[in-house]
Protein backbone atom coordinates (compact mmCIF):
# COMPACT_ATOMS: atom_id res chain seq x y z
CA UNK A 1 85.97 -213.25 126.14
CA UNK A 2 82.91 -212.28 124.12
CA UNK A 3 79.79 -214.35 124.88
CA UNK A 4 76.25 -214.18 123.52
CA UNK A 5 73.63 -212.70 125.82
CA UNK A 6 71.29 -215.14 127.57
CA UNK A 7 68.19 -214.28 129.61
CA UNK A 8 69.99 -215.45 132.78
CA UNK A 9 72.31 -212.44 132.37
CA UNK A 10 69.44 -209.93 132.06
CA UNK A 11 70.13 -207.93 135.24
CA UNK A 12 73.85 -207.68 134.52
CA UNK A 13 73.18 -206.64 130.91
CA UNK A 14 70.61 -204.05 131.97
CA UNK A 15 73.06 -202.63 134.51
CA UNK A 16 75.78 -202.31 131.88
CA UNK A 17 73.47 -200.82 129.23
CA UNK A 18 72.14 -198.30 131.76
CA UNK A 19 75.54 -196.55 131.60
CA UNK A 20 74.63 -195.45 128.04
CA UNK A 21 73.05 -191.97 128.27
CA UNK A 22 70.05 -192.86 126.09
CA UNK A 23 69.31 -195.95 128.21
CA UNK A 24 69.05 -194.26 131.61
CA UNK A 25 65.24 -194.28 131.52
CA UNK A 26 64.01 -197.66 132.77
CA UNK A 27 61.18 -197.91 130.20
CA UNK A 28 63.59 -197.22 127.33
CA UNK A 29 66.05 -199.74 128.77
CA UNK A 30 63.33 -202.41 129.04
CA UNK A 31 62.32 -201.77 125.40
CA UNK A 32 65.96 -202.14 124.33
CA UNK A 33 66.32 -205.42 126.23
CA UNK A 34 63.14 -206.72 124.61
CA UNK A 35 64.64 -205.96 121.17
CA UNK A 36 67.81 -207.88 122.02
CA UNK A 37 65.76 -210.81 123.30
CA UNK A 38 63.19 -211.03 120.50
CA UNK A 39 64.44 -209.42 117.27
CA UNK A 40 66.70 -211.65 115.18
CA UNK A 41 68.65 -208.71 113.76
CA UNK A 42 69.51 -207.35 117.24
CA UNK A 43 72.37 -209.16 118.99
CA UNK A 44 73.82 -208.48 122.41
CA UNK A 45 77.18 -209.76 123.55
CA UNK A 46 78.75 -209.62 127.00
CA UNK A 47 82.44 -209.42 127.84
CA UNK A 48 83.72 -211.75 130.52
CA UNK A 49 87.03 -211.15 132.34
CA UNK A 50 87.88 -214.20 134.42
CA UNK A 51 84.58 -214.84 136.27
CA UNK A 52 83.04 -211.36 135.97
CA UNK A 53 80.91 -209.92 133.20
CA UNK A 54 82.29 -206.41 132.83
CA UNK A 55 81.10 -205.15 129.45
CA UNK A 56 78.33 -205.26 126.88
CA UNK A 57 78.26 -204.57 123.16
CA UNK A 58 75.06 -204.64 121.17
CA UNK A 59 74.57 -204.51 117.44
CA UNK A 60 71.89 -204.46 114.79
CA UNK A 61 72.48 -206.57 111.70
CA UNK A 62 71.59 -204.60 108.56
CA UNK A 63 72.31 -206.46 105.30
CA UNK A 64 76.13 -206.59 105.04
CA UNK A 65 76.69 -204.27 108.02
CA UNK A 66 76.81 -204.66 111.76
CA UNK A 67 75.76 -201.36 113.33
CA UNK A 68 76.96 -200.95 116.90
CA UNK A 69 74.05 -199.74 119.02
CA UNK A 70 75.58 -199.96 122.50
CA UNK A 71 79.00 -200.34 124.03
CA UNK A 72 79.45 -200.15 127.76
CA UNK A 73 82.03 -201.16 130.35
CA UNK A 74 81.59 -201.38 134.11
CA UNK A 75 83.16 -198.17 135.53
CA UNK A 76 85.48 -200.24 137.76
CA UNK A 77 87.05 -201.77 134.64
CA UNK A 78 87.33 -198.69 132.43
CA UNK A 79 90.66 -197.55 130.96
CA UNK A 80 91.79 -201.19 130.67
CA UNK A 81 91.13 -201.59 126.94
CA UNK A 82 87.99 -203.71 127.36
CA UNK A 83 85.93 -201.59 124.97
CA UNK A 84 88.62 -202.02 122.30
CA UNK A 85 88.76 -205.76 122.97
CA UNK A 86 84.98 -206.00 122.56
CA UNK A 87 85.12 -204.13 119.23
CA UNK A 88 87.91 -206.38 117.96
CA UNK A 89 86.06 -209.53 119.04
CA UNK A 90 82.87 -208.30 117.35
CA UNK A 91 84.84 -207.63 114.15
CA UNK A 92 86.33 -211.12 114.34
CA UNK A 93 82.90 -212.68 114.96
CA UNK A 94 81.39 -210.86 111.99
CA UNK A 95 84.44 -210.75 109.71
CA UNK A 96 82.21 -211.05 106.63
CA UNK A 97 80.43 -207.79 107.44
CA UNK A 98 81.39 -204.15 107.76
CA UNK A 99 81.27 -202.86 111.35
CA UNK A 100 79.84 -199.34 111.68
CA UNK A 101 78.80 -197.21 114.66
CA UNK A 102 75.50 -195.47 115.29
CA UNK A 103 75.54 -191.81 116.49
CA UNK A 104 75.71 -192.87 120.17
CA UNK A 105 78.75 -195.10 119.66
CA UNK A 106 80.56 -193.16 116.90
CA UNK A 107 82.96 -191.13 119.07
CA UNK A 108 84.29 -194.18 120.89
CA UNK A 109 84.33 -196.29 117.71
CA UNK A 110 86.40 -193.79 115.72
CA UNK A 111 88.76 -193.20 118.65
CA UNK A 112 89.48 -196.95 118.74
CA UNK A 113 89.89 -197.07 114.96
CA UNK A 114 92.40 -194.20 115.07
CA UNK A 115 94.42 -195.88 117.84
CA UNK A 116 94.35 -199.21 116.02
CA UNK A 117 95.53 -197.79 112.69
CA UNK A 118 97.72 -194.72 113.32
CA UNK A 119 98.42 -192.81 110.12
């Protein structure tokens, strides 16, 4: 289930985002978290499986687009389709907008798109 980030989930969210290569530096990670907490156009969502938060997906709202900035799944839960579920839920949440990846999320995004819509 996709839920909106709240400050009470900060440590969990930071842990999940730290799996993204560009967020490994703590100062960069703290700057990213500040954006998600203060900038209206930056939105962070967490993925909850039963009682555990196991994934995070963050996006920047740009006019009629939602640009995916981060997508991360706890390594213990990888290969279970959680990343795909998060993308689908984000698309459903923002069905009035076009969902696009940034360079860091493009490979995973297009892999999911190809699996979803085989030609």
